Amino acid sequence: MSKDKKLVVSLLLVVMLMAISPIFLLKDAEFGGSDDAGSVMIESIHEGYEPWFEPILEKAIGGELPGEVESLFFCLQTAIGVGIIAFYMGRMVERKRLGKEDEDL
């Protein structure tokens, strides 16, 4: 195996270990969302707190969205953001490559 392949494989193993290790190391930990933690903290500070508004989709369907749907929306939002960033990075690389070709002529 070449030096670059060994580096890539070892980095992938480190990343996988970092992603999986909290599951085994933190046995009694609760992995909740930041929205829930924020609302709990606000309730502990100001007991009579009433939210200013309800989420639009929850109001439209008359209840709370299932966790799977929330995860889907989060993944779609992430995919759109990554797509935009990748598009502009690709444009910058292509622009740089075409600029070098013009200099060679």
PDB file of N, CA and C in Angstrom:
ATOM      1  N   MET A   1       0.835  -1.171   0.000  1.00  0.00           N
ATOM      2  CA  MET A   1       0.000   0.000   0.000  1.00  0.00           C
ATOM      3  C   MET A   1       0.887   1.244   0.000  1.00  0.00           C
ATOM      4  N   SER A   2       0.462   2.238  -0.746  1.00  0.00           N
ATOM      5  CA  SER A   2       1.248   3.469  -0.809  1.00  0.00           C
ATOM      6  C   SER A   2       1.056   4.287   0.471  1.00  0.00           C
ATOM      7  N   LYS A   3       1.912   5.269   0.636  1.00  0.00           N
ATOM      8  CA  LYS A   3       1.882   6.116   1.826  1.00  0.00           C
ATOM      9  C   LYS A   3       0.557   6.880   1.926  1.00  0.00           C
ATOM     10  N   ASP A   4       0.051   7.374   0.794  1.00  0.00           N
ATOM     11  CA  ASP A   4      -1.205   8.119   0.793  1.00  0.00           C
ATOM     12  C   ASP A   4      -2.393   7.240   1.168  1.00  0.00           C
ATOM     13  N   LYS A   5      -2.412   6.015   0.660  1.00  0.00           N
ATOM     14  CA  LYS A   5      -3.517   5.103   0.981  1.00  0.00           C
ATOM     15  C   LYS A   5      -3.509   4.752   2.459  1.00  0.00           C
ATOM     16  N   LYS A   6      -2.316   4.525   3.021  1.00  0.00           N
ATOM     17  CA  LYS A   6      -2.222   4.228   4.448  1.00  0.00           C
ATOM     18  C   LYS A   6      -2.731   5.398   5.282  1.00  0.00           C
ATOM     19  N   LEU A   7      -2.394   6.598   4.870  1.00  0.00           N
ATOM     20  CA  LEU A   7      -2.851   7.786   5.585  1.00  0.00           C
ATOM     21  C   LEU A   7      -4.375   7.908   5.532  1.00  0.00           C
ATOM     22  N   VAL A   8      -4.946   7.709   4.357  1.00  0.00           N
ATOM     23  CA  VAL A   8      -6.401   7.813   4.200  1.00  0.00           C
ATOM     24  C   VAL A   8      -7.112   6.751   5.024  1.00  0.00           C
ATOM     25  N   VAL A   9      -6.624   5.523   4.965  1.00  0.00           N
ATOM     26  CA  VAL A   9      -7.255   4.432   5.721  1.00  0.00           C
ATOM     27  C   VAL A   9      -7.152   4.693   7.219  1.00  0.00           C
ATOM     28  N   SER A  10      -5.990   5.133   7.673  1.00  0.00           N
ATOM     29  CA  SER A  10      -5.841   5.395   9.108  1.00  0.00           C
ATOM     30  C   SER A  10      -6.724   6.560   9.553  1.00  0.00           C
ATOM     31  N   LEU A  11      -6.842   7.604   8.741  1.00  0.00           N
ATOM     32  CA  LEU A  11      -7.716   8.723   9.094  1.00  0.00           C
ATOM     33  C   LEU A  11      -9.184   8.304   9.114  1.00  0.00           C
ATOM     34  N   LEU A  12      -9.589   7.457   8.180  1.00  0.00           N
ATOM     35  CA  LEU A  12     -10.965   6.948   8.177  1.00  0.00           C
ATOM     36  C   LEU A  12     -11.248   6.121   9.428  1.00  0.00           C
ATOM     37  N   LEU A  13     -10.279   5.308   9.842  1.00  0.00           N
ATOM     38  CA  LEU A  13     -10.454   4.524  11.056  1.00  0.00           C
ATOM     39  C   LEU A  13     -10.569   5.417  12.289  1.00  0.00           C
ATOM     40  N   VAL A  14      -9.765   6.464  12.343  1.00  0.00           N
ATOM     41  CA  VAL A  14      -9.836   7.399  13.468  1.00  0.00           C
ATOM     42  C   VAL A  14     -11.201   8.086  13.504  1.00  0.00           C
ATOM     43  N   VAL A  15     -11.701   8.517  12.355  1.00  0.00           N
ATOM     44  CA  VAL A  15     -13.002   9.179  12.295  1.00  0.00           C
ATOM     45  C   VAL A  15     -14.113   8.221  12.724  1.00  0.00           C
ATOM     46  N   MET A  16     -14.052   6.981  12.251  1.00  0.00           N
ATOM     47  CA  MET A  16     -15.064   6.000  12.642  1.00  0.00           C
ATOM     48  C   MET A  16     -15.009   5.730  14.144  1.00  0.00           C
ATOM     49  N   LEU A  17     -13.807   5.648  14.691  1.00  0.00           N
ATOM     50  CA  LEU A  17     -13.654   5.434  16.126  1.00  0.00           C
ATOM     51  C   LEU A  17     -14.212   6.608  16.916  1.00  0.00           C
ATOM     52  N   MET A  18     -13.982   7.817  16.432  1.00  0.00           N
ATOM     53  CA  MET A  18     -14.505   9.003  17.110  1.00  0.00           C
ATOM     54  C   MET A  18     -16.034   9.047  17.051  1.00  0.00           C
ATOM     55  N   ALA A  19     -16.613   8.560  15.974  1.00  0.00           N
ATOM     56  CA  ALA A  19     -18.072   8.585  15.833  1.00  0.00           C
ATOM     57  C   ALA A  19     -18.747   7.506  16.676  1.00  0.00           C
ATOM     58  N   ILE A  20     -18.101   6.368  16.826  1.00  0.00           N
ATOM     59  CA  ILE A  20     -18.722   5.239  17.509  1.00  0.00           C
ATOM     60  C   ILE A  20     -18.409   5.217  19.004  1.00  0.00           C
ATOM     61  N   SER A  21     -17.275   5.725  19.423  1.00  0.00           N
ATOM     62  CA  SER A  21     -16.846   5.607  20.820  1.00  0.00           C
ATOM     63  C   SER A  21     -17.808   6.236  21.835  1.00  0.00           C
ATOM     64  N   PRO A  22     -18.473   7.367  21.568  1.00  0.00           N
ATOM     65  CA  PRO A  22     -19.396   7.900  22.586  1.00  0.00           C
ATOM     66  C   PRO A  22     -20.535   6.947  22.934  1.00  0.00           C
ATOM     67  N   ILE A  23     -20.938   6.115  22.003  1.00  0.00           N
ATOM     68  CA  ILE A  23     -22.031   5.176  22.263  1.00  0.00           C
ATOM     69  C   ILE A  23     -21.635   4.188  23.346  1.00  0.00           C
ATOM     70  N   PHE A  24     -20.370   3.752  23.314  1.00  0.00           N
ATOM     71  CA  PHE A  24     -19.915   2.758  24.282  1.00  0.00           C
ATOM     72  C   PHE A  24     -19.335   3.378  25.555  1.00  0.00           C
ATOM     73  N   LEU A  25     -18.739   4.542  25.457  1.00  0.00           N
ATOM     74  CA  LEU A  25     -18.098   5.162  26.609  1.00  0.00           C
ATOM     75  C   LEU A  25     -19.091   5.872  27.521  1.00  0.00           C
ATOM     76  N   LEU A  26     -20.150   6.419  26.971  1.00  0.00           N
ATOM     77  CA  LEU A  26     -21.139   7.162  27.746  1.00  0.00           C
ATOM     78  C   LEU A  26     -22.409   6.329  27.860  1.00  0.00           C
ATOM     79  N   LYS A  27     -22.390   5.348  28.749  1.00  0.00           N
ATOM     80  CA  LYS A  27     -23.491   4.376  28.846  1.00  0.00           C
ATOM     81  C   LYS A  27     -24.845   5.002  29.193  1.00  0.00           C
ATOM     82  N   ASP A  28     -24.877   5.875  30.189  1.00  0.00           N
ATOM     83  CA  ASP A  28     -26.158   6.407  30.646  1.00  0.00           C
ATOM     84  C   ASP A  28     -26.466   7.801  30.107  1.00  0.00           C
ATOM     85  N   ALA A  29     -25.767   8.212  29.074  1.00  0.00           N
ATOM     86  CA  ALA A  29     -25.963   9.555  28.529  1.00  0.00           C
ATOM     87  C   ALA A  29     -27.225   9.593  27.675  1.00  0.00           C
ATOM     88  N   GLU A  30     -27.879  10.740  27.693  1.00  0.00           N
ATOM     89  CA  GLU A  30     -29.044  10.957  26.842  1.00  0.00           C
ATOM     90  C   GLU A  30     -28.639  11.891  25.718  1.00  0.00           C
ATOM     91  N   PHE A  31     -28.854  11.465  24.497  1.00  0.00           N
ATOM     92  CA  PHE A  31     -28.506  12.272  23.344  1.00  0.00           C
ATOM     93  C   PHE A  31     -29.766  12.957  22.846  1.00  0.00           C
ATOM     94  N   GLY A  32     -30.036  14.133  23.375  1.00  0.00           N
ATOM     95  CA  GLY A  32     -31.222  14.882  23.004  1.00  0.00           C
ATOM     96  C   GLY A  32     -30.853  16.074  22.139  1.00  0.00           C
ATOM     97  N   GLY A  33     -31.853  16.687  21.577  1.00  0.00           N
ATOM     98  CA  GLY A  33     -31.623  17.840  20.727  1.00  0.00           C
ATOM     99  C   GLY A  33     -31.422  19.115  21.528  1.00  0.00           C
ATOM    100  N   SER A  34     -30.865  20.104  20.892  1.00  0.00           N
ATOM    101  CA  SER A  34     -30.616  21.379  21.563  1.00  0.00           C
ATOM    102  C   SER A  34     -31.924  22.135  21.814  1.00  0.00           C
ATOM    103  N   ASP A  35     -32.938  21.903  20.999  1.00  0.00           N
ATOM    104  CA  ASP A  35     -34.230  22.555  21.217  1.00  0.00           C
ATOM    105  C   ASP A  35     -34.824  22.121  22.555  1.00  0.00           C
ATOM    106  N   ASP A  36     -34.777  20.827  22.818  1.00  0.00           N
ATOM    107  CA  ASP A  36     -35.316  20.321  24.077  1.00  0.00           C
ATOM    108  C   ASP A  36     -34.519  20.846  25.265  1.00  0.00           C
ATOM    109  N   ALA A  37     -33.200  20.848  25.152  1.00  0.00           N
ATOM    110  CA  ALA A  37     -32.360  21.331  26.251  1.00  0.00           C
ATOM    111  C   ALA A  37     -32.607  22.810  26.506  1.00  0.00           C
ATOM    112  N   GLY A  38     -32.799  23.581  25.459  1.00  0.00           N
ATOM    113  CA  GLY A  38     -33.063  25.010  25.613  1.00  0.00           C
ATOM    114  C   GLY A  38     -34.383  25.278  26.301  1.00  0.00           C
ATOM    115  N   SER A  39     -35.409  24.553  25.913  1.00  0.00           N
ATOM    116  CA  SER A  39     -36.715  24.775  26.533  1.00  0.00           C
ATOM    117  C   SER A  39     -36.713  24.338  27.997  1.00  0.00           C
ATOM    118  N   VAL A  40     -35.987  23.285  28.322  1.00  0.00           N
ATOM    119  CA  VAL A  40     -35.884  22.854  29.719  1.00  0.00           C
ATOM    120  C   VAL A  40     -35.160  23.914  30.547  1.00  0.00           C
ATOM    121  N   MET A  41     -34.089  24.484  29.990  1.00  0.00           N
ATOM    122  CA  MET A  41     -33.330  25.512  30.703  1.00  0.00           C
ATOM    123  C   MET A  41     -34.179  26.760  30.920  1.00  0.00           C
ATOM    124  N   ILE A  42     -34.940  27.159  29.919  1.00  0.00           N
ATOM    125  CA  ILE A  42     -35.800  28.341  30.060  1.00  0.00           C
ATOM    126  C   ILE A  42     -36.865  28.095  31.120  1.00  0.00           C
ATOM    127  N   GLU A  43     -37.440  26.903  31.138  1.00  0.00           N
ATOM    128  CA  GLU A  43     -38.451  26.573  32.149  1.00  0.00           C
ATOM    129  C   GLU A  43     -37.866  26.629  33.555  1.00  0.00           C
ATOM    130  N   SER A  44     -36.603  26.213  33.704  1.00  0.00           N
ATOM    131  CA  SER A  44     -36.000  26.243  35.042  1.00  0.00           C
ATOM    132  C   SER A  44     -35.697  27.671  35.489  1.00  0.00           C
ATOM    133  N   ILE A  45     -35.439  28.576  34.543  1.00  0.00           N
ATOM    134  CA  ILE A  45     -35.132  29.963  34.884  1.00  0.00           C
ATOM    135  C   ILE A  45     -36.415  30.765  35.107  1.00  0.00           C
ATOM    136  N   HIS A  46     -37.361  30.616  34.195  1.00  0.00           N
ATOM    137  CA  HIS A  46     -38.609  31.391  34.240  1.00  0.00           C
ATOM    138  C   HIS A  46     -39.763  30.407  34.118  1.00  0.00           C
ATOM    139  N   GLU A  47     -40.401  30.087  35.251  1.00  0.00           N
ATOM    140  CA  GLU A  47     -41.362  28.991  35.290  1.00  0.00           C
ATOM    141  C   GLU A  47     -42.637  29.229  34.489  1.00  0.00           C
ATOM    142  N   GLY A  48     -43.084  30.440  34.346  1.00  0.00           N
ATOM    143  CA  GLY A  48     -44.321  30.705  33.620  1.00  0.00           C
ATOM    144  C   GLY A  48     -44.093  31.045  32.160  1.00  0.00           C
ATOM    145  N   TYR A  49     -42.988  30.613  31.600  1.00  0.00           N
ATOM    146  CA  TYR A  49     -42.627  30.994  30.226  1.00  0.00           C
ATOM    147  C   TYR A  49     -43.603  30.403  29.217  1.00  0.00           C
ATOM    148  N   GLU A  50     -44.050  31.243  28.303  1.00  0.00           N
ATOM    149  CA  GLU A  50     -44.889  30.822  27.185  1.00  0.00           C
ATOM    150  C   GLU A  50     -44.128  31.127  25.900  1.00  0.00           C
ATOM    151  N   PRO A  51     -43.978  30.155  25.002  1.00  0.00           N
ATOM    152  CA  PRO A  51     -43.299  30.433  23.735  1.00  0.00           C
ATOM    153  C   PRO A  51     -44.040  31.518  22.951  1.00  0.00           C
ATOM    154  N   TRP A  52     -43.305  32.292  22.184  1.00  0.00           N
ATOM    155  CA  TRP A  52     -43.882  33.393  21.414  1.00  0.00           C
ATOM    156  C   TRP A  52     -44.712  32.907  20.233  1.00  0.00           C
ATOM    157  N   PHE A  53     -44.315  31.766  19.673  1.00  0.00           N
ATOM    158  CA  PHE A  53     -44.999  31.259  18.486  1.00  0.00           C
ATOM    159  C   PHE A  53     -44.882  29.749  18.430  1.00  0.00           C
ATOM    160  N   GLU A  54     -45.686  29.155  17.576  1.00  0.00           N
ATOM    161  CA  GLU A  54     -45.599  27.722  17.312  1.00  0.00           C
ATOM    162  C   GLU A  54     -44.947  27.524  15.949  1.00  0.00           C
ATOM    163  N   PRO A  55     -44.210  26.444  15.771  1.00  0.00           N
ATOM    164  CA  PRO A  55     -43.651  26.172  14.449  1.00  0.00           C
ATOM    165  C   PRO A  55     -44.755  26.058  13.403  1.00  0.00           C
ATOM    166  N   ILE A  56     -44.495  26.561  12.218  1.00  0.00           N
ATOM    167  CA  ILE A  56     -45.509  26.635  11.166  1.00  0.00           C
ATOM    168  C   ILE A  56     -46.055  25.257  10.801  1.00  0.00           C
ATOM    169  N   LEU A  57     -45.162  24.283  10.602  1.00  0.00           N
ATOM    170  CA  LEU A  57     -45.633  22.955  10.204  1.00  0.00           C
ATOM    171  C   LEU A  57     -46.432  22.281  11.311  1.00  0.00           C
ATOM    172  N   GLU A  58     -46.025  22.479  12.554  1.00  0.00           N
ATOM    173  CA  GLU A  58     -46.786  21.892  13.660  1.00  0.00           C
ATOM    174  C   GLU A  58     -48.173  22.509  13.749  1.00  0.00           C
ATOM    175  N   LYS A  59     -48.270  23.785  13.461  1.00  0.00           N
ATOM    176  CA  LYS A  59     -49.565  24.457  13.470  1.00  0.00           C
ATOM    177  C   LYS A  59     -50.445  23.948  12.322  1.00  0.00           C
ATOM    178  N   ALA A  60     -49.819  23.696  11.171  1.00  0.00           N
ATOM    179  CA  ALA A  60     -50.572  23.261   9.990  1.00  0.00           C
ATOM    180  C   ALA A  60     -51.130  21.851  10.155  1.00  0.00           C
ATOM    181  N   ILE A  61     -50.358  20.947  10.777  1.00  0.00           N
ATOM    182  CA  ILE A  61     -50.832  19.566  10.901  1.00  0.00           C
ATOM    183  C   ILE A  61     -51.545  19.318  12.224  1.00  0.00           C
ATOM    184  N   GLY A  62     -51.497  20.288  13.105  1.00  0.00           N
ATOM    185  CA  GLY A  62     -52.228  20.168  14.362  1.00  0.00           C
ATOM    186  C   GLY A  62     -51.535  19.325  15.423  1.00  0.00           C
ATOM    187  N   GLY A  63     -50.251  19.175  15.341  1.00  0.00           N
ATOM    188  CA  GLY A  63     -49.513  18.406  16.342  1.00  0.00           C
ATOM    189  C   GLY A  63     -48.019  18.475  16.063  1.00  0.00           C
ATOM    190  N   GLU A  64     -47.273  17.730  16.847  1.00  0.00           N
ATOM    191  CA  GLU A  64     -45.814  17.730  16.689  1.00  0.00           C
ATOM    192  C   GLU A  64     -45.402  16.812  15.545  1.00  0.00           C
ATOM    193  N   LEU A  65     -44.369  17.225  14.820  1.00  0.00           N
ATOM    194  CA  LEU A  65     -43.847  16.408  13.731  1.00  0.00           C
ATOM    195  C   LEU A  65     -43.159  15.171  14.290  1.00  0.00           C
ATOM    196  N   PRO A  66     -43.298  14.034  13.612  1.00  0.00           N
ATOM    197  CA  PRO A  66     -42.554  12.847  14.042  1.00  0.00           C
ATOM    198  C   PRO A  66     -41.046  13.086  13.920  1.00  0.00           C
ATOM    199  N   GLY A  67     -40.263  12.396  14.718  1.00  0.00           N
ATOM    200  CA  GLY A  67     -38.817  12.548  14.714  1.00  0.00           C
ATOM    201  C   GLY A  67     -38.200  12.234  13.364  1.00  0.00           C
ATOM    202  N   GLU A  68     -38.777  11.271  12.641  1.00  0.00           N
ATOM    203  CA  GLU A  68     -38.242  10.904  11.334  1.00  0.00           C
ATOM    204  C   GLU A  68     -38.381  12.047  10.337  1.00  0.00           C
ATOM    205  N   VAL A  69     -39.492  12.757  10.414  1.00  0.00           N
ATOM    206  CA  VAL A  69     -39.718  13.876   9.499  1.00  0.00           C
ATOM    207  C   VAL A  69     -38.765  15.023   9.832  1.00  0.00           C
ATOM    208  N   GLU A  70     -38.563  15.277  11.126  1.00  0.00           N
ATOM    209  CA  GLU A  70     -37.611  16.308  11.515  1.00  0.00           C
ATOM    210  C   GLU A  70     -36.207  15.961  11.039  1.00  0.00           C
ATOM    211  N   SER A  71     -35.837  14.683  11.161  1.00  0.00           N
ATOM    212  CA  SER A  71     -34.521  14.240  10.676  1.00  0.00           C
ATOM    213  C   SER A  71     -34.416  14.401   9.170  1.00  0.00           C
ATOM    214  N   LEU A  72     -35.501  14.094   8.459  1.00  0.00           N
ATOM    215  CA  LEU A  72     -35.507  14.264   7.009  1.00  0.00           C
ATOM    216  C   LEU A  72     -35.288  15.715   6.624  1.00  0.00           C
ATOM    217  N   PHE A  73     -35.988  16.625   7.276  1.00  0.00           N
ATOM    218  CA  PHE A  73     -35.815  18.050   6.980  1.00  0.00           C
ATOM    219  C   PHE A  73     -34.394  18.507   7.288  1.00  0.00           C
ATOM    220  N   PHE A  74     -33.832  18.031   8.390  1.00  0.00           N
ATOM    221  CA  PHE A  74     -32.457  18.392   8.740  1.00  0.00           C
ATOM    222  C   PHE A  74     -31.485  17.869   7.680  1.00  0.00           C
ATOM    223  N   CYS A  75     -31.677  16.628   7.225  1.00  0.00           N
ATOM    224  CA  CYS A  75     -30.798  16.056   6.200  1.00  0.00           C
ATOM    225  C   CYS A  75     -30.936  16.798   4.874  1.00  0.00           C
ATOM    226  N   LEU A  76     -32.150  17.167   4.507  1.00  0.00           N
ATOM    227  CA  LEU A  76     -32.347  17.926   3.275  1.00  0.00           C
ATOM    228  C   LEU A  76     -31.669  19.288   3.354  1.00  0.00           C
ATOM    229  N   GLN A  77     -31.802  19.932   4.495  1.00  0.00           N
ATOM    230  CA  GLN A  77     -31.160  21.230   4.692  1.00  0.00           C
ATOM    231  C   GLN A  77     -29.637  21.094   4.587  1.00  0.00           C
ATOM    232  N   THR A  78     -29.100  20.051   5.181  1.00  0.00           N
ATOM    233  CA  THR A  78     -27.664  19.804   5.114  1.00  0.00           C
ATOM    234  C   THR A  78     -27.227  19.523   3.688  1.00  0.00           C
ATOM    235  N   ALA A  79     -27.989  18.698   2.970  1.00  0.00           N
ATOM    236  CA  ALA A  79     -27.630  18.351   1.596  1.00  0.00           C
ATOM    237  C   ALA A  79     -27.641  19.579   0.690  1.00  0.00           C
ATOM    238  N   ILE A  80     -28.616  20.440   0.868  1.00  0.00           N
ATOM    239  CA  ILE A  80     -28.671  21.663   0.057  1.00  0.00           C
ATOM    240  C   ILE A  80     -27.462  22.547   0.355  1.00  0.00           C
ATOM    241  N   GLY A  81     -27.124  22.700   1.620  1.00  0.00           N
ATOM    242  CA  GLY A  81     -25.958  23.511   1.989  1.00  0.00           C
ATOM    243  C   GLY A  81     -24.664  22.947   1.452  1.00  0.00           C
ATOM    244  N   VAL A  82     -24.479  21.639   1.565  1.00  0.00           N
ATOM    245  CA  VAL A  82     -23.270  21.003   1.041  1.00  0.00           C
ATOM    246  C   VAL A  82     -23.220  21.127  -0.471  1.00  0.00           C
ATOM    247  N   GLY A  83     -24.358  20.991  -1.130  1.00  0.00           N
ATOM    248  CA  GLY A  83     -24.393  21.139  -2.584  1.00  0.00           C
ATOM    249  C   GLY A  83     -23.966  22.528  -3.025  1.00  0.00           C
ATOM    250  N   ILE A  84     -24.437  23.547  -2.328  1.00  0.00           N
ATOM    251  CA  ILE A  84     -24.060  24.922  -2.667  1.00  0.00           C
ATOM    252  C   ILE A  84     -22.574  25.146  -2.445  1.00  0.00           C
ATOM    253  N   ILE A  85     -22.056  24.683  -1.303  1.00  0.00           N
ATOM    254  CA  ILE A  85     -20.627  24.846  -1.018  1.00  0.00           C
ATOM    255  C   ILE A  85     -19.780  24.098  -2.040  1.00  0.00           C
ATOM    256  N   ALA A  86     -20.158  22.852  -2.371  1.00  0.00           N
ATOM    257  CA  ALA A  86     -19.398  22.063  -3.345  1.00  0.00           C
ATOM    258  C   ALA A  86     -19.436  22.710  -4.727  1.00  0.00           C
ATOM    259  N   PHE A  87     -20.584  23.271  -5.094  1.00  0.00           N
ATOM    260  CA  PHE A  87     -20.690  23.936  -6.393  1.00  0.00           C
ATOM    261  C   PHE A  87     -19.703  25.096  -6.488  1.00  0.00           C
ATOM    262  N   TYR A  88     -19.680  25.949  -5.465  1.00  0.00           N
ATOM    263  CA  TYR A  88     -18.780  27.103  -5.507  1.00  0.00           C
ATOM    264  C   TYR A  88     -17.313  26.703  -5.393  1.00  0.00           C
ATOM    265  N   MET A  89     -17.028  25.658  -4.627  1.00  0.00           N
ATOM    266  CA  MET A  89     -15.641  25.189  -4.565  1.00  0.00           C
ATOM    267  C   MET A  89     -15.207  24.639  -5.920  1.00  0.00           C
ATOM    268  N   GLY A  90     -16.084  23.911  -6.581  1.00  0.00           N
ATOM    269  CA  GLY A  90     -15.780  23.400  -7.915  1.00  0.00           C
ATOM    270  C   GLY A  90     -15.568  24.522  -8.915  1.00  0.00           C
ATOM    271  N   ARG A  91     -16.374  25.561  -8.802  1.00  0.00           N
ATOM    272  CA  ARG A  91     -16.192  26.712  -9.691  1.00  0.00           C
ATOM    273  C   ARG A  91     -14.848  27.377  -9.477  1.00  0.00           C
ATOM    274  N   MET A  92     -14.433  27.507  -8.220  1.00  0.00           N
ATOM    275  CA  MET A  92     -13.145  28.136  -7.920  1.00  0.00           C
ATOM    276  C   MET A  92     -11.983  27.304  -8.456  1.00  0.00           C
ATOM    277  N   VAL A  93     -12.066  25.989  -8.294  1.00  0.00           N
ATOM    278  CA  VAL A  93     -11.010  25.109  -8.802  1.00  0.00           C
ATOM    279  C   VAL A  93     -10.955  25.186 -10.324  1.00  0.00           C
ATOM    280  N   GLU A  94     -12.112  25.151 -10.961  1.00  0.00           N
ATOM    281  CA  GLU A  94     -12.152  25.212 -12.427  1.00  0.00           C
ATOM    282  C   GLU A  94     -11.652  26.557 -12.928  1.00  0.00           C
ATOM    283  N   ARG A  95     -12.015  27.619 -12.247  1.00  0.00           N
ATOM    284  CA  ARG A  95     -11.564  28.951 -12.625  1.00  0.00           C
ATOM    285  C   ARG A  95     -10.032  29.045 -12.518  1.00  0.00           C
ATOM    286  N   LYS A  96      -9.486  28.460 -11.458  1.00  0.00           N
ATOM    287  CA  LYS A  96      -8.037  28.466 -11.269  1.00  0.00           C
ATOM    288  C   LYS A  96      -7.359  27.630 -12.355  1.00  0.00           C
ATOM    289  N   ARG A  97      -7.939  26.478 -12.694  1.00  0.00           N
ATOM    290  CA  ARG A  97      -7.369  25.589 -13.711  1.00  0.00           C
ATOM    291  C   ARG A  97      -7.396  26.259 -15.089  1.00  0.00           C
ATOM    292  N   LEU A  98      -8.505  26.915 -15.413  1.00  0.00           N
ATOM    293  CA  LEU A  98      -8.597  27.577 -16.696  1.00  0.00           C
ATOM    294  C   LEU A  98      -7.653  28.781 -16.775  1.00  0.00           C
ATOM    295  N   GLY A  99      -7.424  29.448 -15.662  1.00  0.00           N
ATOM    296  CA  GLY A  99      -6.487  30.553 -15.633  1.00  0.00           C
ATOM    297  C   GLY A  99      -5.067  30.096 -15.911  1.00  0.00           C
ATOM    298  N   LYS A 100      -4.678  28.902 -15.410  1.00  0.00           N
ATOM    299  CA  LYS A 100      -3.359  28.369 -15.680  1.00  0.00           C
ATOM    300  C   LYS A 100      -3.204  27.970 -17.145  1.00  0.00           C
ATOM    301  N   GLU A 101      -4.263  27.446 -17.756  1.00  0.00           N
ATOM    302  CA  GLU A 101      -4.206  27.071 -19.162  1.00  0.00           C
ATOM    303  C   GLU A 101      -4.026  28.297 -20.046  1.00  0.00           C
ATOM    304  N   ASP A 102      -4.662  29.417 -19.673  1.00  0.00           N
ATOM    305  CA  ASP A 102      -4.525  30.633 -20.449  1.00  0.00           C
ATOM    306  C   ASP A 102      -3.096  31.163 -20.386  1.00  0.00           C
ATOM    307  N   GLU A 103      -2.432  31.001 -19.223  1.00  0.00           N
ATOM    308  CA  GLU A 103      -1.058  31.470 -19.079  1.00  0.00           C
ATOM    309  C   GLU A 103      -0.092  30.647 -19.932  1.00  0.00           C
ATOM    310  N   ASP A 104      -0.396  29.355 -20.129  1.00  0.00           N
ATOM    311  CA  ASP A 104       0.480  28.481 -20.901  1.00  0.00           C
ATOM    312  C   ASP A 104       0.439  28.811 -22.392  1.00  0.00           C
ATOM    313  N   LEU A 105      -0.620  29.421 -22.865  1.00  0.00           N
ATOM    314  CA  LEU A 105      -0.739  29.727 -24.302  1.00  0.00           C
ATOM    315  C   LEU A 105       0.073  30.871 -24.664  1.00  0.00           C
TER     316      LEU A 105
END
